[in-house]
């Protein structure tokens, strides 16, 4: 009986240790395959597809799971899952469980940066803003997901990805300087900005 109680106690302690909430910055230091639990504010909806990005005061990351398809911008969520980067994008997949703590929270303010400052690992998963930027391409954004080059003068070109499920797809590419807000992401060795919508 004593051994059974001891084993149960150890099992409970183990489970509690594995569900302990850590910061996103700490989660980003964990080895691939680690199970983590984080909390953050969701910064996108289905305009970027199945993926959801979340931020806390320390950083941002992606969570990839169709089970989170009803999660909205401004939801405060707790997510438990496995750290498994996809094409160099740090993300949690699979998501083992998640819960919406509260809804309607302010989305974190985008960090105002130059493209030279913002297209780096430190801002991956976070909302960023690049003022006075111009697209190198002309015409219309494709209706299929596609990448476009833009510049703010600090980089010769920086990749901006327009998702087919965003209301940006199919609209005219701005011909002059604009301010661009999006989530900094990564695909393989290239950082890419993911604007969420026309606003």
Protein backbone atom coordinates (compact mmCIF):
# COMPACT_ATOMS: atom_id res chain seq x y z
CA UNK A 1 0.00 0.00 0.00
CA UNK A 2 2.86 2.36 0.88
CA UNK A 3 4.53 1.64 -2.45
CA UNK A 4 1.26 2.32 -4.29
CA UNK A 5 0.81 5.68 -2.55
CA UNK A 6 4.43 6.61 -3.26
CA UNK A 7 4.05 5.71 -6.95
CA UNK A 8 0.82 7.74 -7.18
CA UNK A 9 2.49 10.71 -5.51
CA UNK A 10 5.41 10.57 -7.94
CA UNK A 11 3.03 10.31 -10.90
CA UNK A 12 1.09 13.38 -9.75
CA UNK A 13 4.32 15.32 -9.21
CA UNK A 14 5.53 14.31 -12.67
CA UNK A 15 2.26 15.40 -14.29
CA UNK A 16 2.31 18.73 -12.46
CA UNK A 17 5.90 19.39 -13.51
CA UNK A 18 5.02 18.72 -17.14
CA UNK A 19 1.98 21.01 -17.11
CA UNK A 20 3.74 23.91 -15.38
CA UNK A 21 3.24 27.10 -17.35
CA UNK A 22 6.47 28.65 -18.62
CA UNK A 23 7.11 31.81 -20.61
CA UNK A 24 7.23 31.68 -24.38
CA UNK A 25 10.87 32.82 -24.24
CA UNK A 26 11.67 29.82 -22.02
CA UNK A 27 9.69 27.46 -24.27
CA UNK A 28 11.75 28.64 -27.23
CA UNK A 29 14.91 27.36 -25.53
CA UNK A 30 13.58 23.81 -25.10
CA UNK A 31 14.95 20.98 -27.26
CA UNK A 32 12.86 19.59 -30.10
CA UNK A 33 10.39 17.02 -28.79
CA UNK A 34 9.95 18.70 -25.40
CA UNK A 35 6.44 19.08 -24.03
CA UNK A 36 5.69 22.62 -22.88
CA UNK A 37 2.75 24.61 -21.52
CA UNK A 38 2.56 28.31 -22.36
CA UNK A 39 0.02 31.11 -22.13
CA UNK A 40 -0.38 34.00 -24.52
CA UNK A 41 -2.67 36.28 -26.49
CA UNK A 42 -3.63 35.00 -29.95
CA UNK A 43 -2.76 37.46 -32.74
CA UNK A 44 -4.44 35.88 -35.79
CA UNK A 45 -7.46 33.92 -36.95
CA UNK A 46 -8.11 31.79 -40.04
CA UNK A 47 -6.71 34.44 -42.42
CA UNK A 48 -3.43 32.55 -42.01
CA UNK A 49 -5.04 29.10 -42.17
CA UNK A 50 -4.83 26.48 -39.43
CA UNK A 51 -1.88 28.02 -37.59
CA UNK A 52 -2.35 30.34 -34.60
CA UNK A 53 0.35 32.68 -33.29
CA UNK A 54 0.44 33.74 -29.66
CA UNK A 55 2.50 36.21 -27.66
CA UNK A 56 3.24 36.89 -24.04
CA UNK A 57 5.47 39.62 -22.63
CA UNK A 58 8.59 37.61 -23.51
CA UNK A 59 8.08 36.47 -27.09
CA UNK A 60 5.91 34.74 -29.65
CA UNK A 61 5.40 31.33 -31.18
CA UNK A 62 3.12 29.36 -33.46
CA UNK A 63 0.71 26.60 -32.48
CA UNK A 64 -0.41 24.32 -35.29
CA UNK A 65 -3.61 22.36 -34.75
CA UNK A 66 -6.99 22.18 -36.48
CA UNK A 67 -8.50 21.84 -33.00
CA UNK A 68 -7.78 25.55 -32.49
CA UNK A 69 -9.77 26.65 -35.56
CA UNK A 70 -12.34 28.55 -33.46
CA UNK A 71 -9.70 30.48 -31.50
CA UNK A 72 -9.94 34.22 -32.19
CA UNK A 73 -7.61 37.21 -32.06
CA UNK A 74 -7.50 38.54 -28.54
CA UNK A 75 -8.16 35.17 -26.92
CA UNK A 76 -5.92 34.45 -23.96
CA UNK A 77 -5.04 30.77 -24.25
CA UNK A 78 -3.11 28.11 -22.41
CA UNK A 79 -1.54 25.59 -24.78
CA UNK A 80 0.23 22.32 -23.99
CA UNK A 81 2.05 20.50 -26.74
CA UNK A 82 5.30 19.36 -28.27
CA UNK A 83 8.01 21.68 -29.56
CA UNK A 84 8.54 20.54 -33.13
CA UNK A 85 9.89 23.21 -35.50
CA UNK A 86 8.56 23.04 -39.06
CA UNK A 87 10.95 24.27 -41.77
CA UNK A 88 12.78 26.27 -39.09
CA UNK A 89 9.60 27.90 -37.74
CA UNK A 90 9.44 27.35 -34.00
CA UNK A 91 6.01 25.88 -33.28
CA UNK A 92 4.04 23.65 -31.00
CA UNK A 93 2.75 20.62 -32.88
CA UNK A 94 0.96 18.53 -31.99
CA UNK A 95 -1.12 20.58 -29.59
CA UNK A 96 -2.05 18.08 -26.88
CA UNK A 97 -4.56 20.39 -25.19
CA UNK A 98 -5.56 24.02 -25.02
CA UNK A 99 -8.07 26.19 -23.20
CA UNK A 100 -9.35 29.69 -23.79
CA UNK A 101 -8.93 31.61 -20.52
CA UNK A 102 -10.55 34.90 -21.60
CA UNK A 103 -11.63 36.51 -24.87
CA UNK A 104 -11.66 40.03 -26.25
CA UNK A 105 -8.26 41.01 -24.87
CA UNK A 106 -6.20 43.72 -26.60
CA UNK A 107 -3.80 42.21 -29.13
CA UNK A 108 -0.17 43.11 -28.33
CA UNK A 109 0.97 46.28 -30.04
CA UNK A 110 3.25 45.57 -33.01
CA UNK A 111 6.90 46.42 -32.46
CA UNK A 112 8.01 49.30 -34.70
CA UNK A 113 11.25 48.25 -36.38
CA UNK A 114 13.22 48.57 -39.57
CA UNK A 115 13.26 45.51 -41.79
CA UNK A 116 16.95 45.06 -41.04
CA UNK A 117 16.08 44.87 -37.33
CA UNK A 118 12.89 42.81 -37.60
CA UNK A 119 13.71 39.98 -40.02
CA UNK A 120 15.55 38.00 -37.32
CA UNK A 121 14.88 35.11 -34.94
CA UNK A 122 14.34 37.39 -31.96
CA UNK A 123 11.01 38.61 -33.42
CA UNK A 124 9.76 35.32 -34.86
CA UNK A 125 6.13 34.76 -33.90
CA UNK A 126 5.56 38.38 -32.92
CA UNK A 127 3.60 41.25 -34.40
CA UNK A 128 5.93 43.78 -36.02
CA UNK A 129 5.46 47.01 -37.97
CA UNK A 130 7.56 48.45 -40.79
CA UNK A 131 6.78 52.04 -41.74
CA UNK A 132 7.41 53.71 -45.09
CA UNK A 133 7.72 50.42 -46.97
CA UNK A 134 7.24 49.77 -50.67
CA UNK A 135 6.50 46.62 -52.65
CA UNK A 136 8.92 45.90 -55.47
CA UNK A 137 6.24 43.98 -57.42
CA UNK A 138 3.38 45.70 -59.24
CA UNK A 139 -0.10 44.64 -60.36
CA UNK A 140 -2.37 42.60 -58.07
CA UNK A 141 -1.65 40.16 -55.28
CA UNK A 142 -2.39 36.64 -56.51
CA UNK A 143 -5.46 34.83 -55.21
CA UNK A 144 -3.22 31.87 -54.36
CA UNK A 145 -0.75 32.17 -51.48
CA UNK A 146 2.41 33.85 -52.77
CA UNK A 147 5.53 35.73 -51.69
CA UNK A 148 6.40 39.32 -52.59
CA UNK A 149 9.49 41.46 -52.07
CA UNK A 150 9.28 44.73 -50.19
CA UNK A 151 11.79 47.22 -48.83
CA UNK A 152 11.95 50.05 -46.33
CA UNK A 153 15.46 51.05 -47.42
CA UNK A 154 17.19 49.16 -44.61
CA UNK A 155 17.17 45.92 -46.61
CA UNK A 156 17.37 45.54 -50.38
CA UNK A 157 14.35 43.23 -50.22
CA UNK A 158 12.37 41.42 -47.56
CA UNK A 159 9.82 38.67 -48.13
CA UNK A 160 6.13 39.35 -47.47
CA UNK A 161 3.78 36.36 -47.75
CA UNK A 162 0.15 36.98 -48.64
CA UNK A 163 -2.06 34.03 -47.69
CA UNK A 164 -4.88 33.02 -50.01
CA UNK A 165 -7.37 33.08 -47.11
CA UNK A 166 -6.55 36.70 -46.26
CA UNK A 167 -8.70 39.51 -47.68
CA UNK A 168 -5.48 40.93 -49.17
CA UNK A 169 -5.36 38.20 -51.85
CA UNK A 170 -6.56 39.49 -55.24
CA UNK A 171 -6.31 43.18 -54.33
CA UNK A 172 -3.98 45.73 -56.00
CA UNK A 173 -0.39 45.83 -54.78
CA UNK A 174 0.16 49.31 -53.28
CA UNK A 175 2.17 51.49 -55.64
CA UNK A 176 3.59 53.85 -53.03
CA UNK A 177 5.00 53.78 -49.52
CA UNK A 178 2.80 52.22 -46.84
CA UNK A 179 3.12 50.96 -43.29
CA UNK A 180 2.95 47.15 -43.06
CA UNK A 181 1.95 45.25 -39.91
CA UNK A 182 2.22 41.48 -39.73
CA UNK A 183 3.54 38.47 -37.86
CA UNK A 184 7.20 37.63 -38.36
CA UNK A 185 7.46 34.04 -39.49
CA UNK A 186 10.00 31.79 -41.15
CA UNK A 187 10.12 29.19 -43.89
CA UNK A 188 13.35 27.24 -44.19
CA UNK A 189 16.16 29.83 -44.18
CA UNK A 190 13.97 32.83 -45.06
CA UNK A 191 12.13 35.09 -42.64
CA UNK A 192 8.82 36.29 -43.98
CA UNK A 193 6.24 38.79 -42.83
CA UNK A 194 2.63 37.60 -42.66
CA UNK A 195 0.19 40.53 -42.94
CA UNK A 196 -3.20 39.41 -41.63
CA UNK A 197 -5.62 41.69 -43.51
CA UNK A 198 -5.99 44.94 -45.45
CA UNK A 199 -6.30 47.03 -42.30
